[in-house]
Every structure is written in C-alpha cells, then in structure tokens.
Protein backbone atom coordinates (compact mmCIF):
# COMPACT_ATOMS: atom_id res chain seq x y z
CA MET A 1 0.09 -0.01 -0.08
CA GLY A 2 1.60 3.09 -1.24
CA PHE A 3 1.85 6.78 0.49
CA SER A 4 -1.11 7.95 -1.98
CA TRP A 5 -3.42 5.12 -1.02
CA VAL A 6 -2.88 6.14 2.67
CA LEU A 7 -3.81 9.82 1.99
CA LEU A 8 -6.86 9.52 -0.16
CA ALA A 9 -9.57 12.29 0.51
CA LEU A 10 -13.13 11.61 0.13
CA PHE A 11 -13.90 14.76 -1.73
CA SER A 12 -17.45 15.89 -1.24
CA LEU A 13 -18.36 18.60 -3.41
CA PHE A 14 -20.75 21.66 -2.61
CA ILE A 15 -22.72 22.68 -5.41
CA LEU A 16 -24.90 25.54 -5.51
CA SER A 17 -28.01 24.22 -6.96
CA THR A 18 -31.54 23.92 -5.74
CA PRO A 19 -32.80 20.57 -4.33
CA THR A 20 -36.49 20.32 -4.14
CA CYS A 21 -38.10 18.29 -1.42
CA SER A 22 -41.81 16.89 -2.54
CA GLY A 23 -44.24 19.51 -2.47
CA HIS A 24 -41.62 22.07 -1.08
CA SER A 25 -38.38 23.73 -2.66
CA HIS A 26 -35.12 24.56 -0.44
CA GLN A 27 -33.30 27.41 -2.20
CA SER A 28 -29.70 27.60 -2.02
CA ARG A 29 -27.76 30.65 -1.36
CA SER A 30 -24.97 31.85 -3.51
CA ALA A 31 -23.47 33.62 -0.38
CA LEU A 32 -22.82 32.18 3.31
CA PRO A 33 -25.40 33.66 5.90
CA ASP A 34 -23.43 35.95 8.06
CA ALA A 35 -23.74 33.52 11.15
CA TRP A 36 -23.73 29.93 11.15
CA PHE A 37 -24.20 29.63 14.68
CA HIS A 38 -26.82 29.78 17.56
CA PRO A 39 -26.29 32.74 19.39
CA ARG A 40 -25.02 32.71 23.36
CA ASN A 41 -24.67 34.99 25.86
CA HIS A 42 -21.87 34.41 27.86
CA PRO A 43 -21.00 36.83 31.03
CA VAL A 44 -18.27 39.11 30.22
CA HIS A 45 -16.31 38.81 33.33
CA ALA A 46 -15.98 35.17 32.37
CA LEU A 47 -13.86 36.02 29.52
CA PHE A 48 -10.31 34.77 30.64
CA GLY A 49 -7.02 34.69 28.67
CA ARG A 50 -5.04 31.96 30.81
CA GLN A 51 -2.98 29.31 29.28
CA ASN A 52 -2.76 27.18 32.29
CA GLY A 53 0.63 25.69 30.96
CA THR A 54 -0.89 24.55 27.53
CA GLY A 55 0.88 27.38 25.08
CA PHE A 56 -2.90 28.42 24.39
CA PRO A 57 -5.68 30.85 25.64
CA THR A 58 -8.03 28.95 27.79
CA ASP A 59 -11.09 29.46 29.62
CA GLY A 60 -8.88 29.74 32.84
CA ILE A 61 -10.39 26.38 34.17
CA SER A 62 -8.12 23.23 35.01
CA TYR A 63 -8.96 20.27 33.44
CA PRO A 64 -7.38 16.94 33.41
CA GLN A 65 -4.22 16.07 31.39
CA VAL A 66 -5.75 14.87 27.62
CA GLY A 67 -4.72 11.28 27.55
CA SER A 68 -4.86 10.54 31.27
CA PRO A 69 -6.70 7.87 33.28
CA THR A 70 -8.63 10.79 34.87
CA TRP A 71 -9.68 12.26 31.91
CA ALA A 72 -10.78 9.24 30.15
CA ALA A 73 -12.86 7.96 33.20
CA ALA A 74 -15.13 10.81 32.73
CA TYR A 75 -16.76 9.64 29.57
CA PRO A 76 -18.84 6.82 27.89
CA VAL A 77 -16.72 3.70 27.07
CA GLY A 78 -19.00 2.89 23.77
CA THR A 79 -22.30 3.89 23.15
CA PRO A 80 -23.51 6.45 25.44
CA ASP A 81 -26.35 5.57 28.01
CA ALA A 82 -28.72 8.46 27.75
CA ASN A 83 -30.25 7.74 30.95
CA ALA A 84 -26.73 8.24 32.79
CA MET A 85 -25.98 11.55 31.03
CA PRO A 86 -26.02 15.02 33.20
CA GLN A 87 -29.71 16.07 33.78
CA ILE A 88 -29.30 19.63 32.51
CA TRP A 89 -28.64 18.17 29.21
CA LYS A 90 -32.28 16.55 29.77
CA ASP A 91 -33.65 19.58 30.54
CA ALA A 92 -32.51 21.50 27.73
CA LEU A 93 -33.98 18.71 25.54
CA ASN A 94 -37.15 18.77 27.32
CA ALA A 95 -37.47 22.56 27.37
CA ALA A 96 -36.98 22.90 23.43
CA VAL A 97 -39.64 20.17 22.78
CA GLN A 98 -41.86 22.06 24.87
CA ALA A 99 -41.23 25.20 23.47
CA GLY A 100 -42.13 23.43 19.66
CA LYS A 101 -38.45 23.91 18.77
CA ILE A 102 -38.07 20.14 17.69
CA PRO A 103 -40.45 18.82 15.27
CA ASN A 104 -42.50 15.53 16.03
CA ILE A 105 -40.83 12.96 13.81
CA PRO A 106 -40.33 9.47 14.08
CA PRO A 107 -37.08 8.21 13.99
CA SER A 108 -36.08 5.96 11.12
CA SER A 109 -35.00 2.43 10.84
CA ASP A 110 -31.44 1.23 10.82
CA PRO A 111 -30.55 0.50 7.45
CA ASN A 112 -29.09 -2.66 6.28
CA ASN A 113 -26.15 -1.24 4.06
CA GLY A 114 -28.53 1.32 2.78
CA ASN A 115 -30.65 4.56 3.15
CA PRO A 116 -32.37 4.85 6.85
CA VAL A 117 -35.93 3.91 6.22
CA TYR A 118 -38.89 5.70 7.92
CA PRO A 119 -42.35 4.41 9.07
CA PRO A 120 -44.83 3.93 6.35
CA GLY A 121 -46.55 7.36 5.68
CA ILE A 122 -43.51 9.41 6.45
CA ASN A 123 -42.05 10.89 3.28
CA PRO A 124 -38.04 11.79 3.70
CA ASN A 125 -38.26 14.49 0.99
CA SER A 126 -41.21 16.05 2.48
CA PRO A 127 -40.65 19.73 4.09
CA GLN A 128 -41.94 18.10 7.61
CA VAL A 129 -38.95 15.48 7.62
CA CYS A 130 -36.37 16.94 4.97
CA SER A 131 -34.01 14.23 5.18
CA ALA A 132 -30.19 15.00 4.10
CA THR A 133 -30.00 11.39 3.29
CA TYR A 134 -32.46 11.68 0.47
CA LYS A 135 -30.56 15.02 -0.65
CA CYS A 136 -33.41 17.35 0.93
CA ARG A 137 -31.44 20.75 2.14
CA ILE A 138 -32.54 21.72 5.41
CA VAL A 139 -32.55 25.83 5.84
CA GLY A 140 -29.73 26.75 7.68
CA ASP A 141 -27.52 23.60 7.30
CA ILE A 142 -24.27 23.96 5.35
CA TRP A 143 -24.29 22.20 1.90
CA ASP A 144 -22.23 24.88 0.11
CA ALA A 145 -19.32 27.38 0.05
CA PRO A 146 -18.39 30.61 -1.63
CA SER A 147 -17.02 30.71 -5.34
CA GLY A 148 -13.36 29.62 -5.77
CA VAL A 149 -12.74 28.64 -2.04
CA ILE A 150 -11.88 24.81 -1.16
CA GLY A 151 -13.33 24.39 2.44
CA ILE A 152 -10.94 21.70 3.93
CA SER A 153 -11.87 18.90 6.63
CA PHE A 154 -11.52 15.53 7.47
CA ASP A 155 -14.13 13.09 9.18
CA ASP A 156 -13.95 10.19 11.32
CA GLY A 157 -10.49 10.37 13.24
CA PRO A 158 -8.25 10.63 15.32
CA LEU A 159 -7.22 7.26 13.92
CA PRO A 160 -4.85 4.95 16.13
CA TRP A 161 -1.92 4.15 13.69
CA PRO A 162 1.60 4.83 14.58
CA ALA A 163 3.07 8.38 13.34
CA LEU A 164 4.63 7.30 10.19
CA THR A 165 3.14 4.37 9.15
CA THR A 166 1.05 4.52 5.78
CA MET A 167 -2.03 4.66 7.54
CA SER A 168 -1.39 7.18 10.07
CA SER A 169 -3.50 10.32 11.05
CA ASN A 170 -0.09 12.13 11.91
CA ARG A 171 1.16 11.46 8.50
CA LEU A 172 -1.87 13.51 7.23
CA TYR A 173 -1.21 16.15 9.70
CA ASN A 174 2.46 16.41 8.95
CA PHE A 175 1.45 17.15 5.27
CA LEU A 176 -0.96 19.62 6.14
CA GLN A 177 1.74 21.53 8.28
CA THR A 178 4.38 21.22 5.81
CA ASN A 179 1.92 22.80 3.12
CA ASN A 180 0.72 25.45 5.92
CA VAL A 181 -2.95 24.00 4.96
CA LYS A 182 -5.19 24.44 7.83
CA ALA A 183 -8.37 22.13 8.19
CA THR A 184 -11.52 21.36 10.20
CA HIS A 185 -11.47 17.66 11.78
CA PHE A 186 -14.79 16.31 12.68
CA PHE A 187 -13.71 13.70 15.37
CA ILE A 188 -15.53 11.05 16.47
CA GLY A 189 -15.56 10.91 20.80
CA VAL A 190 -14.43 7.34 21.16
CA ASN A 191 -11.66 7.87 18.90
CA ILE A 192 -10.50 10.78 20.70
CA ILE A 193 -10.53 8.87 23.69
CA ASN A 194 -8.25 6.13 22.30
CA ASN A 195 -6.18 8.29 20.38
CA ALA A 196 -5.14 11.15 22.57
CA GLN A 197 -1.93 12.34 21.25
CA THR A 198 -3.16 12.25 17.72
CA PHE A 199 -5.98 14.54 18.95
CA LEU A 200 -3.39 16.73 20.42
CA THR A 201 -1.43 16.75 17.25
CA ALA A 202 -4.22 18.23 15.46
CA PHE A 203 -5.14 20.57 18.14
CA ASN A 204 -1.96 21.90 19.66
CA THR A 205 0.93 21.31 16.93
CA ASN A 206 -1.45 21.97 13.79
CA GLN A 207 -3.60 24.29 15.60
CA ASP A 208 -6.43 23.20 13.44
CA ASP A 209 -10.38 23.60 13.91
CA ILE A 210 -12.07 20.95 15.67
CA ALA A 211 -15.72 19.97 15.20
CA VAL A 212 -18.34 17.20 16.28
CA HIS A 213 -18.79 13.78 14.33
CA THR A 214 -20.71 12.13 16.81
CA TRP A 215 -19.56 9.91 19.92
CA THR A 216 -19.85 6.41 18.20
CA HIS A 217 -20.58 7.07 14.34
CA PRO A 218 -24.48 6.16 14.20
CA HIS A 219 -27.11 7.05 11.83
CA MET A 220 -28.51 9.86 13.78
CA THR A 221 -31.92 9.73 12.23
CA THR A 222 -32.24 6.22 13.72
CA LEU A 223 -31.78 7.67 17.33
CA SER A 224 -34.34 9.09 19.81
CA ASN A 225 -34.25 12.76 20.94
CA VAL A 226 -31.99 12.03 24.01
CA ASP A 227 -29.60 9.54 22.37
CA VAL A 228 -29.32 12.15 19.58
CA ILE A 229 -28.20 14.47 22.51
CA ALA A 230 -26.03 11.86 24.31
CA GLN A 231 -24.11 11.44 20.92
CA LEU A 232 -23.40 14.87 20.23
CA ALA A 233 -23.59 16.51 23.94
CA TRP A 234 -20.69 14.03 25.00
CA THR A 235 -18.59 14.45 22.00
CA MET A 236 -18.78 18.36 22.98
CA GLN A 237 -17.85 17.87 26.39
CA LEU A 238 -15.09 15.90 25.47
CA ILE A 239 -13.91 18.20 22.96
CA HIS A 240 -14.42 21.09 25.46
CA ASN A 241 -12.59 19.54 28.26
CA SER A 242 -9.89 18.68 26.09
CA THR A 243 -9.11 22.15 24.13
CA GLY A 244 -9.14 24.42 27.28
CA GLY A 245 -12.82 24.83 27.00
CA ARG A 246 -13.88 25.81 23.59
CA VAL A 247 -17.47 24.74 22.82
CA PRO A 248 -17.89 23.66 19.03
CA ARG A 249 -20.11 25.48 16.66
CA PHE A 250 -20.39 22.58 13.93
CA TRP A 251 -21.02 18.97 13.63
CA ARG A 252 -21.23 16.70 10.57
CA PRO A 253 -23.81 13.65 10.69
CA PRO A 254 -22.18 10.34 10.08
CA TYR A 255 -22.92 9.01 6.60
CA GLY A 256 -24.83 12.43 6.09
CA ASP A 257 -27.65 11.27 8.06
CA THR A 258 -29.96 14.04 9.34
CA ASP A 259 -33.35 15.41 9.07
CA ALA A 260 -35.37 18.20 10.44
CA ARG A 261 -35.54 16.71 14.18
CA VAL A 262 -32.12 16.03 14.29
CA SER A 263 -30.82 19.02 12.71
CA ALA A 264 -33.28 21.12 15.38
CA ILE A 265 -31.95 19.20 18.28
CA ALA A 266 -28.16 19.99 17.55
CA LYS A 267 -28.95 23.41 16.89
CA GLU A 268 -31.65 24.74 19.40
CA VAL A 269 -30.09 22.61 22.01
CA LEU A 270 -26.33 22.58 21.86
CA GLY A 271 -26.01 25.75 19.54
CA LEU A 272 -24.64 23.49 16.50
CA THR A 273 -24.79 24.13 12.73
CA THR A 274 -24.81 21.08 10.42
CA ILE A 275 -22.55 20.77 7.73
CA ILE A 276 -23.14 18.41 4.70
CA TRP A 277 -21.45 18.18 1.59
CA ASN A 278 -22.95 18.61 -2.22
CA GLN A 279 -20.89 15.80 -4.22
CA ASP A 280 -19.47 12.63 -3.16
CA THR A 281 -16.32 11.07 -4.58
CA GLU A 282 -16.85 7.67 -2.78
CA ASP A 283 -13.05 7.22 -1.95
CA TRP A 284 -14.36 5.70 1.58
CA SER A 285 -15.54 2.67 -0.93
CA LEU A 286 -12.06 1.95 -2.16
CA GLY A 287 -11.56 -1.64 -2.27
CA PRO A 288 -12.13 -4.77 -4.13
CA ASN A 289 -16.31 -3.98 -4.18
CA GLY A 290 -15.83 -0.40 -4.51
CA THR A 291 -14.14 2.18 -6.56
CA THR A 292 -10.44 2.37 -7.77
CA LEU A 293 -7.68 4.93 -7.16
CA ALA A 294 -7.10 5.23 -10.76
CA ASN A 295 -11.00 6.52 -10.95
CA ILE A 296 -10.65 8.28 -7.82
CA HIS A 297 -7.72 10.35 -9.18
CA ASN A 298 -9.04 10.88 -12.74
CA ASN A 299 -12.37 12.09 -11.42
CA MET A 300 -10.67 14.70 -8.93
CA GLN A 301 -8.18 15.95 -11.38
CA GLY A 302 -11.01 16.35 -13.90
CA TRP A 303 -13.21 18.26 -11.51
CA LEU A 304 -10.23 20.55 -10.26
CA THR A 305 -9.26 21.34 -13.82
CA ALA A 306 -12.62 21.80 -15.54
CA ARG A 307 -14.62 22.82 -12.35
CA THR A 308 -17.43 20.57 -13.62
CA LEU A 309 -20.62 19.69 -11.42
CA ARG A 310 -20.15 15.81 -11.82
CA SER A 311 -19.23 13.54 -8.22
CA VAL A 312 -15.54 12.86 -7.99
CA ARG A 313 -12.93 11.85 -5.81
CA SER A 314 -9.18 11.79 -5.56
CA GLY A 315 -5.89 11.75 -3.25
CA LEU A 316 -5.60 14.97 -1.22
CA ILE A 317 -1.75 14.76 -1.51
CA ASP A 318 -1.77 13.89 -5.21
CA ASN A 319 -3.85 16.28 -6.38
CA TYR A 320 -3.05 19.16 -3.95
CA PRO A 321 -0.59 20.93 -6.38
CA LEU A 322 -3.79 21.24 -8.79
CA ILE A 323 -5.88 23.45 -5.81
CA GLY A 324 -3.28 26.39 -6.36
CA ALA A 325 -2.78 25.44 -10.17
CA ASN A 326 -6.53 26.34 -10.56
CA ASN A 327 -6.75 29.43 -8.44
CA TRP A 328 -8.78 27.57 -5.82
CA LYS A 329 -8.32 28.93 -2.06
CA PRO A 330 -8.16 26.30 0.47
CA ILE A 331 -9.71 27.10 3.68
CA SER A 332 -10.53 24.93 6.84
CA VAL A 333 -14.42 24.60 6.19
CA VAL A 334 -15.73 26.02 9.34
CA GLN A 335 -13.86 29.20 8.67
CA LEU A 336 -15.93 29.89 5.55
CA ASP A 337 -18.59 32.23 6.63
CA GLY A 338 -15.37 34.82 7.38
CA LEU A 339 -16.19 34.87 11.22
CA ASP A 340 -13.10 33.27 12.42
CA ALA A 341 -15.30 31.39 15.11
CA PRO A 342 -15.27 27.83 14.80
CA TYR A 343 -16.20 27.63 18.52
CA GLN A 344 -19.10 29.27 20.02
CA ASN A 345 -17.25 30.83 22.92
CA ALA A 346 -13.95 31.42 21.54
CA GLN A 347 -12.05 34.19 19.33
CA GLY A 348 -10.79 32.63 16.18
CA THR A 349 -8.93 29.04 16.14
CA MET A 350 -6.81 29.83 19.25
CA GLY A 351 -8.06 33.18 20.56
CA SER A 352 -9.56 34.33 23.90
CA VAL A 353 -11.79 31.70 25.68
CA THR A 354 -15.24 32.74 27.39
CA ALA A 355 -15.86 30.26 30.34
CA ALA A 356 -19.29 28.38 29.14
CA GLY A 357 -20.90 25.11 29.53
CA ILE A 358 -22.12 23.20 25.95
CA LEU A 359 -26.03 24.30 25.95
CA ALA A 360 -26.98 26.73 23.56
CA ASN A 361 -28.33 29.83 25.29
CA VAL A 362 -27.38 28.93 28.65
CA SER A 363 -24.47 30.72 30.43
CA ASN A 364 -23.48 27.60 32.57
CA THR A 365 -20.47 25.71 33.94
CA PRO A 366 -19.58 22.23 32.81
CA PRO A 367 -21.64 19.62 34.36
CA ASP A 368 -19.28 17.70 37.16
CA LEU A 369 -18.45 14.77 35.65
CA PRO A 370 -16.64 11.60 36.84
CA GLY A 371 -13.11 12.58 37.73
CA SER A 372 -13.64 16.39 37.35
CA ALA A 373 -13.34 18.69 40.43
CA SER A 374 -16.38 21.18 40.68
CA SER A 375 -16.90 24.07 38.67
CA GLY A 376 -15.90 26.32 41.80
CA ASN A 377 -12.71 25.05 41.74
CA ALA A 378 -11.13 23.02 38.70
CA THR A 379 -13.08 20.79 36.18
CA THR A 380 -12.24 18.86 34.03
CA SER A 381 -9.17 15.58 23.38
CA ALA A 382 -10.71 10.33 8.79
CA SER A 383 -12.38 10.65 6.36
CA SER A 384 -11.52 14.14 5.19
CA SER A 385 -13.89 16.83 3.52
CA ILE A 386 -12.83 19.42 1.58
CA SER A 387 -15.44 22.06 0.81
CA THR A 388 -14.88 24.01 -2.25
CA ALA A 389 -16.65 26.41 -4.41
CA GLY A 390 -16.00 27.03 -8.17
CA THR A 391 -18.11 29.36 -10.16
CA SER A 392 -20.94 27.81 -8.01
CA THR A 393 -19.21 24.75 -6.41
CA ALA A 394 -17.81 23.64 -3.31
CA ILE A 395 -15.79 20.60 -1.98
CA SER A 396 -16.23 18.56 1.10
CA THR A 397 -13.79 15.87 1.30
CA TYR A 398 -13.31 12.89 3.39
CA TYR A 399 -10.50 10.96 4.96
CA ARG A 400 -12.30 8.26 6.11
CA GLY A 401 -9.80 6.77 8.69
CA SER A 402 -7.15 8.84 8.79
CA GLY A 403 -8.70 12.50 9.71
C-alpha cells in the first residue's frame, strides 16, 4: 500500500443547486449567511486569557491532562447511555421540545447497507422531514461554499496508527503542516479517547479546527431525541474539556444522515450548525468491491481543472498541487463564513475563551463529570472533507480512516 493510498481524501463537492423536496423547495444561497451558529450570551467577566501551561489561551479552568486515566474516566466507553447523561442536558432538550422547537418526527430504521427507512406514510423528502440522506436541504444547514474556495475538513479521526506508517492520521497532519494548510477535523468521541496524542497533534501542533462527528458514528435519524443529545453532547463535552474550554459550533452527521428533527436538536439545544456536502467522491469505498484508485484520481483531477459539477474523488496529497494551479483557495471548512469563529465561545482557532458550558443560550459551567472537580474550583481531546466552491461549487472531502 503506497503513500498515495493512505492519504486519499473523500471529496464531497458542495454545489450551489436548488434541491426540491416533495411539494417544497429549499433554495440554496450563493453567499454564506452572516452567522452559522446559535447565539450565546456569556458574561463578560468570565472571559479569560489564561494558558494553564498549554501554550494557548483557555477559559481559565484546570482540566485533567488529555490522555490521562482521570481524563478518560469521565466519558462513556462505548455507545452512551442517555439515562446516565447529566440532567441539565435532558432538561434543555425537554424545554426545547415543550417550546415547539423540535419537530415531532419518528426515528428512521437502521439500514442494512442502505439508506435509513422511515415508517410507512412518512416521506423523507417532505418539508416536514427533509432528510439530508435523501438530498433534501434543511434551511440553515450548510451544503455550499463561496465561489473559488475549497473548505478542507476530515472526518472519523483521530485514528490509532503510528506516526509514520502509511495509514497514519499523523502522516496526514504532517502534510497539512508542511504545506501550511488549515483544516477542520470532525472527530468521533471514542476515537479521541483512544488516540489522545493524535488528537493533540491536530489541535495543539497543527492548530486546526475541531468539530463534532458524534460519539460512536451512528445513523443519527435512527436515534431517539435523548440518544441524539447523548451522541452530540458527550462529544462536545470531551472537546470542551480537551481544548481549554472551547465549545464547537459545527457538527457533521455520520453518513450525512440528518433530518429536520436531528438538525433542530443540534441547533436549538447545543448551538451546533450542521455541515453536509454536495457531491460525494466515494473514496471511502476504495477496495475490491468499490471504486478504484485510478477512478478517484481521474475524477478529482478532472473536477479541479474543469470545475465540472460531477461527483468526483481523489487523493488529497496527489492532487493538492492542482488546487493552487487552478486558483482554488483552501480554507478550513468552519472558517468559510469569514467570522473566524469555529467555536461558540472563543475568538478564532486559538484566541481568547469565555468560560461556558455546552448548552445553547445557557451561561452555565460544565456539568460535574467523573474525575472532574466542581466548577467552582477545577473541572476537568478520517475521512476528510474539502468544501470547495468554484463558479458555484464547493468540495467537502472525507479522509475516512485517517482524519
């Protein structure tokens, strides 16, 4: 397995089109909205610029060392038990439901190597459901990027392979750092727990942006409301407690599987904006029963040079020179709105941080977790995705398995 195989990026292209749900049209915008996040009110006096020995600003609270037993012990080992999550998360969900902010849509059924299936009589393309799996666009979810821009991101990491093997997240990170490329990493919670030092390379060394890809990578529309919260909130809490108190603004649903209910829970309860993609290069299917390396490279090279709107996929490293040669501007995908705010409570990627919990519109301290001190004292870290826009196109790349 050569170097080019390892650093394949699953490029999902964001195309500014106008998908139509049954009886309802979701209009795409040629420009990004002014803000992609749910506003949060944080008290001014809680703003801290302390570093706590980390080398970057934090919220002034001391957290357990990333990778330590105390740090890991605070979180679920596998699929989160919604009954065991902090009560404040449940209360926030219940308040949003009672306020009518969460659509009453039944969960889909877990697919067998296919798309999630809704109960009889439920149309996934209806405006009430609007399933992203079925290419229906929810107003406020992000599918597109500005003209001429490639928003770079990677899903599913961090992964466990040693630093310099051909299947290493760290090898990808070395490439990004060497080429001064900033990216968004949509991380899976259990993978952060199992690969703490790789996580720190992405955040501390590369100073890349960190976003949410759930705790265990399920089809999110198959889950109950409380299980959706558990998948997202535990991942947010882990990122918060592993980055000096930063609260992510963005998440990407595994398999692109979200609908009006799931996206509303993410937005209304946790302040998360959903980022999808608009074309899929399918490099995740590379293998005996899937696509080929030649197809991936040919498609990606054709798209970067001709800017056609067909679905393509290619190796990020092999094709990276074509990005500049064809006047694409690479940007971390969560930076595409120009606000320099990948987090809900921080200035830029490594700027000042406001002490805050992870719930939208609630100025609260992080819940007390096992292995954490109380908030009054101390509380205690693919698939790649490039979002690009050409004349009217954006790429979202998956680096499945090494992000």
